[in-house]
Protein backbone atom coordinates (compact mmCIF):
# COMPACT_ATOMS: atom_id res chain seq x y z
CA UNK A 1 -3.04 -13.43 119.33
CA UNK A 2 0.61 -12.39 119.12
CA UNK A 3 1.31 -14.94 116.38
CA UNK A 4 -1.82 -13.92 114.44
CA UNK A 5 -0.84 -10.24 114.54
CA UNK A 6 2.61 -11.13 113.19
CA UNK A 7 1.11 -13.24 110.39
CA UNK A 8 -1.25 -10.49 109.28
CA UNK A 9 1.38 -7.74 109.45
CA UNK A 10 3.94 -9.86 107.57
CA UNK A 11 1.42 -10.48 104.79
CA UNK A 12 0.62 -6.79 104.49
CA UNK A 13 4.28 -5.78 104.49
CA UNK A 14 4.98 -8.19 101.65
CA UNK A 15 1.98 -7.11 99.58
CA UNK A 16 1.97 -3.35 100.18
CA UNK A 17 5.74 -2.82 100.03
CA UNK A 18 5.36 0.70 101.38
CA UNK A 19 5.25 2.02 104.95
CA UNK A 20 2.83 4.63 106.29
CA UNK A 21 3.03 6.32 109.66
CA UNK A 22 -0.61 7.45 109.62
CA UNK A 23 -3.64 5.15 109.58
CA UNK A 24 -7.30 6.01 109.14
CA UNK A 25 -10.31 3.97 110.22
CA UNK A 26 -13.45 4.88 108.29
CA UNK A 27 -16.81 4.45 110.01
CA UNK A 28 -20.30 3.80 108.68
CA UNK A 29 -20.88 5.43 105.32
CA UNK A 30 -17.51 7.23 105.28
CA UNK A 31 -15.66 4.79 103.03
CA UNK A 32 -15.98 7.26 100.15
CA UNK A 33 -13.25 9.40 101.72
CA UNK A 34 -10.68 7.01 100.21
CA UNK A 35 -12.07 7.68 96.74
CA UNK A 36 -10.79 11.27 97.05
CA UNK A 37 -7.20 10.07 97.46
CA UNK A 38 -4.57 8.38 95.29
CA UNK A 39 -5.21 4.71 96.01
CA UNK A 40 -2.13 2.55 95.46
CA UNK A 41 -3.45 -0.84 96.52
CA UNK A 42 -6.61 -2.31 98.05
CA UNK A 43 -6.64 -5.69 99.81
CA UNK A 44 -10.02 -7.15 100.89
CA UNK A 45 -10.04 -8.24 104.52
CA UNK A 46 -10.74 -11.93 103.71
CA UNK A 47 -7.40 -12.13 101.88
CA UNK A 48 -5.41 -11.08 104.97
CA UNK A 49 -4.41 -13.98 107.26
CA UNK A 50 -6.22 -14.01 110.62
CA UNK A 51 -7.99 -10.70 109.82
CA UNK A 52 -11.68 -10.36 110.79
CA UNK A 53 -14.28 -9.62 108.13
CA UNK A 54 -16.81 -6.78 107.98
CA UNK A 55 -20.47 -7.80 108.08
CA UNK A 56 -22.22 -4.45 108.41
CA UNK A 57 -23.73 -2.42 105.56
CA UNK A 58 -21.70 0.72 104.88
CA UNK A 59 -18.34 -0.94 105.65
CA UNK A 60 -16.52 -1.96 102.45
CA UNK A 61 -14.11 -4.28 104.22
CA UNK A 62 -10.70 -3.57 102.70
CA UNK A 63 -7.21 -2.53 103.79
CA UNK A 64 -6.01 0.29 101.56
CA UNK A 65 -2.64 1.88 100.90
CA UNK A 66 -3.20 5.36 99.55
CA UNK A 67 -1.38 8.67 99.17
CA UNK A 68 -2.41 12.19 100.12
CA UNK A 69 -0.07 14.74 98.53
CA UNK A 70 2.62 12.04 98.39
CA UNK A 71 2.18 11.16 102.09
CA UNK A 72 1.42 7.42 102.41
CA UNK A 73 -1.60 6.53 104.53
CA UNK A 74 -3.19 3.23 105.50
CA UNK A 75 -6.99 3.36 105.35
CA UNK A 76 -9.28 0.71 106.77
CA UNK A 77 -12.53 0.77 104.84
CA UNK A 78 -14.76 -0.49 107.60
CA UNK A 79 -14.28 -1.69 111.15
CA UNK A 80 -15.51 -4.48 113.42
CA UNK A 81 -18.03 -4.16 116.22
CA UNK A 82 -18.64 -5.82 119.57
CA UNK A 83 -22.33 -6.26 118.67
CA UNK A 84 -21.37 -8.48 115.72
CA UNK A 85 -20.45 -11.15 118.26
CA UNK A 86 -16.73 -10.52 118.09
CA UNK A 87 -14.57 -10.22 121.18
CA UNK A 88 -12.94 -6.85 121.83
CA UNK A 89 -9.58 -8.47 121.03
CA UNK A 90 -10.95 -9.28 117.57
CA UNK A 91 -12.44 -5.79 117.25
CA UNK A 92 -9.05 -4.22 117.99
CA UNK A 93 -6.95 -6.75 116.06
CA UNK A 94 -6.29 -4.24 113.22
CA UNK A 95 -4.89 -1.72 115.72
CA UNK A 96 -2.26 -4.24 116.80
CA UNK A 97 -1.43 -4.97 113.17
CA UNK A 98 -1.08 -1.27 112.35
CA UNK A 99 1.47 -0.89 115.13
CA UNK A 100 3.52 -3.75 113.71
CA UNK A 101 3.42 -1.95 110.36
CA UNK A 102 5.02 1.13 111.95
CA UNK A 103 1.97 3.37 112.37
CA UNK A 104 2.57 6.25 114.81
CA UNK A 105 -0.77 8.05 114.51
CA UNK A 106 -4.33 6.73 114.26
CA UNK A 107 -7.32 8.71 113.03
CA UNK A 108 -10.62 7.12 114.01
CA UNK A 109 -13.94 8.16 112.49
CA UNK A 110 -17.47 7.03 113.21
CA UNK A 111 -21.13 7.83 112.77
CA UNK A 112 -22.75 8.98 116.01
CA UNK A 113 -26.11 9.95 117.43
CA UNK A 114 -26.59 13.46 118.80
CA UNK A 115 -27.09 14.11 122.51
CA UNK A 116 -25.97 17.74 122.75
CA UNK A 117 -28.94 19.91 121.72
CA UNK A 118 -26.64 22.45 120.05
CA UNK A 119 -25.40 19.92 117.50
CA UNK A 120 -27.11 19.11 114.19
CA UNK A 121 -27.11 16.16 111.74
CA UNK A 122 -24.43 16.50 109.08
CA UNK A 123 -21.99 18.27 111.38
CA UNK A 124 -18.76 16.74 112.69
CA UNK A 125 -17.49 16.49 116.25
CA UNK A 126 -13.86 16.40 117.30
CA UNK A 127 -13.70 13.75 120.02
CA UNK A 128 -12.07 15.28 123.10
CA UNK A 129 -12.72 12.33 125.41
CA UNK A 130 -14.87 9.24 125.69
CA UNK A 131 -16.97 7.27 128.15
CA UNK A 132 -16.67 3.48 127.93
CA UNK A 133 -20.11 1.96 128.53
CA UNK A 134 -19.54 -1.23 126.57
CA UNK A 135 -19.25 -3.34 129.69
CA UNK A 136 -15.88 -4.70 128.63
CA UNK A 137 -12.30 -3.60 127.97
CA UNK A 138 -10.01 -4.89 125.19
CA UNK A 139 -7.07 -5.03 127.64
CA UNK A 140 -8.83 -7.46 129.97
CA UNK A 141 -6.82 -10.66 130.42
CA UNK A 142 -3.08 -11.37 130.28
CA UNK A 143 -0.96 -8.35 129.34
CA UNK A 144 1.78 -8.51 126.71
CA UNK A 145 4.46 -6.27 128.19
CA UNK A 146 6.06 -5.85 124.76
CA UNK A 147 2.82 -4.27 123.56
CA UNK A 148 2.20 -1.88 126.43
CA UNK A 149 1.84 -1.41 130.21
CA UNK A 150 -0.59 -3.35 132.37
CA UNK A 151 -2.32 -0.13 133.48
CA UNK A 152 -2.18 2.48 130.67
CA UNK A 153 -3.07 6.08 131.46
CA UNK A 154 -5.94 7.50 129.38
CA UNK A 155 -5.83 11.08 130.66
CA UNK A 156 -5.00 12.18 127.11
CA UNK A 157 -6.55 9.33 125.16
CA UNK A 158 -7.08 11.79 122.30
CA UNK A 159 -3.88 13.72 121.59
CA UNK A 160 -4.32 17.38 122.70
CA UNK A 161 -1.92 18.68 120.02
CA UNK A 162 -3.87 16.92 117.28
CA UNK A 163 -7.14 18.28 118.67
CA UNK A 164 -5.79 21.85 118.62
CA UNK A 165 -4.46 21.40 115.09
CA UNK A 166 -7.77 20.07 113.79
CA UNK A 167 -9.84 22.82 115.43
CA UNK A 168 -7.49 25.54 114.14
CA UNK A 169 -7.56 24.13 110.63
CA UNK A 170 -11.36 23.83 110.75
CA UNK A 171 -11.70 27.52 111.67
CA UNK A 172 -9.33 28.53 108.89
CA UNK A 173 -11.24 26.51 106.31
CA UNK A 174 -14.69 27.39 107.73
CA UNK A 175 -15.41 23.74 108.30
CA UNK A 176 -17.97 23.32 111.10
CA UNK A 177 -16.23 21.12 113.67
CA UNK A 178 -17.75 20.71 117.10
CA UNK A 179 -15.85 19.41 120.13
CA UNK A 180 -17.27 16.98 122.64
CA UNK A 181 -17.38 13.70 124.52
CA UNK A 182 -18.26 10.42 122.80
CA UNK A 183 -20.08 7.66 124.70
CA UNK A 184 -19.37 4.15 123.46
CA UNK A 185 -22.13 1.58 124.01
CA UNK A 186 -22.31 -2.07 122.98
CA UNK A 187 -25.39 -1.94 120.71
CA UNK A 188 -26.86 -3.09 118.42
CA UNK A 189 -30.13 -1.68 119.74
CA UNK A 190 -30.41 2.09 119.77
CA UNK A 191 -30.66 3.78 123.15
CA UNK A 192 -33.91 4.27 125.06
CA UNK A 193 -35.06 7.79 125.98
CA UNK A 194 -34.06 7.12 129.60
CA UNK A 195 -30.60 6.01 128.54
CA UNK A 196 -30.16 9.20 126.52
CA UNK A 197 -31.13 11.30 129.54
CA UNK A 198 -28.57 9.35 131.58
CA UNK A 199 -25.84 9.88 128.98
CA UNK A 200 -26.57 13.60 128.90
CA UNK A 201 -26.22 13.81 132.68
CA UNK A 202 -22.91 11.94 132.42
CA UNK A 203 -21.54 14.62 130.08
CA UNK A 204 -21.77 12.84 126.72
CA UNK A 205 -22.37 14.91 123.59
CA UNK A 206 -22.74 12.02 121.15
CA UNK A 207 -23.16 8.26 121.31
CA UNK A 208 -22.10 5.35 119.13
CA UNK A 209 -21.25 1.65 119.06
CA UNK A 210 -17.56 1.66 118.16
CA UNK A 211 -14.25 3.54 118.45
CA UNK A 212 -13.64 3.30 122.22
CA UNK A 213 -11.95 -0.15 122.18
CA UNK A 214 -9.72 0.92 119.28
CA UNK A 215 -8.65 4.07 121.10
CA UNK A 216 -7.87 2.16 124.30
CA UNK A 217 -5.62 -0.29 122.46
CA UNK A 218 -3.93 2.45 120.45
CA UNK A 219 -3.06 4.26 123.68
CA UNK A 220 -1.87 1.02 125.26
CA UNK A 221 0.71 0.60 122.51
CA UNK A 222 1.77 4.25 122.38
CA UNK A 223 -0.01 5.31 119.19
CA UNK A 224 -1.18 8.94 118.98
CA UNK A 225 -4.95 9.20 118.45
CA UNK A 226 -7.45 11.72 117.19
CA UNK A 227 -11.11 11.08 116.46
CA UNK A 228 -13.97 12.54 114.44
CA UNK A 229 -17.66 11.72 114.76
CA UNK A 230 -20.04 12.34 111.90
CA UNK A 231 -23.23 13.43 113.67
CA UNK A 232 -25.84 11.58 111.66
CA UNK A 233 -29.07 11.49 113.67
CA UNK A 234 -30.96 12.74 116.68
CA UNK A 235 -31.15 10.16 119.44
CA UNK A 236 -34.44 8.62 120.54
CA UNK A 237 -36.85 10.26 122.93
CA UNK A 238 -34.87 13.39 123.68
CA UNK A 239 -35.57 14.84 120.23
CA UNK A 240 -38.67 12.73 119.61
CA UNK A 241 -36.98 11.02 116.68
CA UNK A 242 -36.56 7.35 115.75
CA UNK A 243 -33.06 6.52 114.51
CA UNK A 244 -32.36 4.00 111.73
CA UNK A 245 -29.20 2.63 110.09
CA UNK A 246 -30.49 3.82 106.71
CA UNK A 247 -30.64 7.39 108.03
CA UNK A 248 -27.12 7.08 109.45
CA UNK A 249 -25.71 5.94 106.11
CA UNK A 250 -27.59 8.56 104.11
CA UNK A 251 -26.33 11.45 106.22
CA UNK A 252 -22.72 10.24 106.44
CA UNK A 253 -22.50 9.53 102.73
CA UNK A 254 -23.96 12.97 102.01
CA UNK A 255 -21.13 14.78 103.80
CA UNK A 256 -18.27 12.47 102.79
CA UNK A 257 -16.86 14.78 100.14
CA UNK A 258 -16.76 17.80 102.46
CA UNK A 259 -15.21 15.79 105.28
CA UNK A 260 -12.73 14.13 102.93
CA UNK A 261 -11.45 17.50 101.78
CA UNK A 262 -10.91 18.65 105.36
CA UNK A 263 -9.33 15.36 106.40
CA UNK A 264 -6.80 15.50 103.59
CA UNK A 265 -5.70 18.99 104.65
CA UNK A 266 -5.44 17.79 108.24
CA UNK A 267 -3.29 14.78 107.37
CA UNK A 268 -0.92 16.90 105.31
CA UNK A 269 -0.61 19.43 108.16
CA UNK A 270 0.27 16.84 110.84
CA UNK A 271 3.88 16.94 111.99
CA UNK A 272 5.13 13.47 112.85
């Protein structure tokens, strides 16, 4: 794994020839956010040595170097999921590569189902914390001490300063940004009504099938993290709705422009 990370990062350094300290992972249907920026170069995942490939609709599958008001940013158009049959080390491979490229801050985005009755489809949630229900952990196995500690502390998995900045900026710009807890499950099946009731009792406000492994690895290697969930659908049973991937993509794509505008302002405001 160490050698593969070095191969991929060396390839990207040679081909991008520009360093960014901020990276952005775009979830289902949110790839259009990059179209609102000044794209400098786009490299499809299959061209990057040892890099996994996206297989899910709504994930373009490219590593992008872009600029937002002259601030360089790496954007990953699409991520990898445990339910695709990949190991969590494969799922989080890009996070290791980003660290080798010099990234200090990671912004994760995703599409999520609504558990909190106060939330509505089309709104966004600032992730304050998460619950790992994937049944696995990307740090399981031998630990590379040069990458991070054997037992990383996740008390502040999502950087409190970045959370405060995002919420303040959202109020100033009248951008509806909720705050809550994200539950990460393995998928690919959507949750049963009983599972949703359980998640609600556990304190989850939204649920999805990604993000958590990436955040764990980012914290392990000392990368600051903030996360945004696009609330795309009501979960099964609790709201008497049946979720579908088509609905998820339709809602997320419909709010991409609004979210992209907010995200650009947030990235420019971040003090690294």
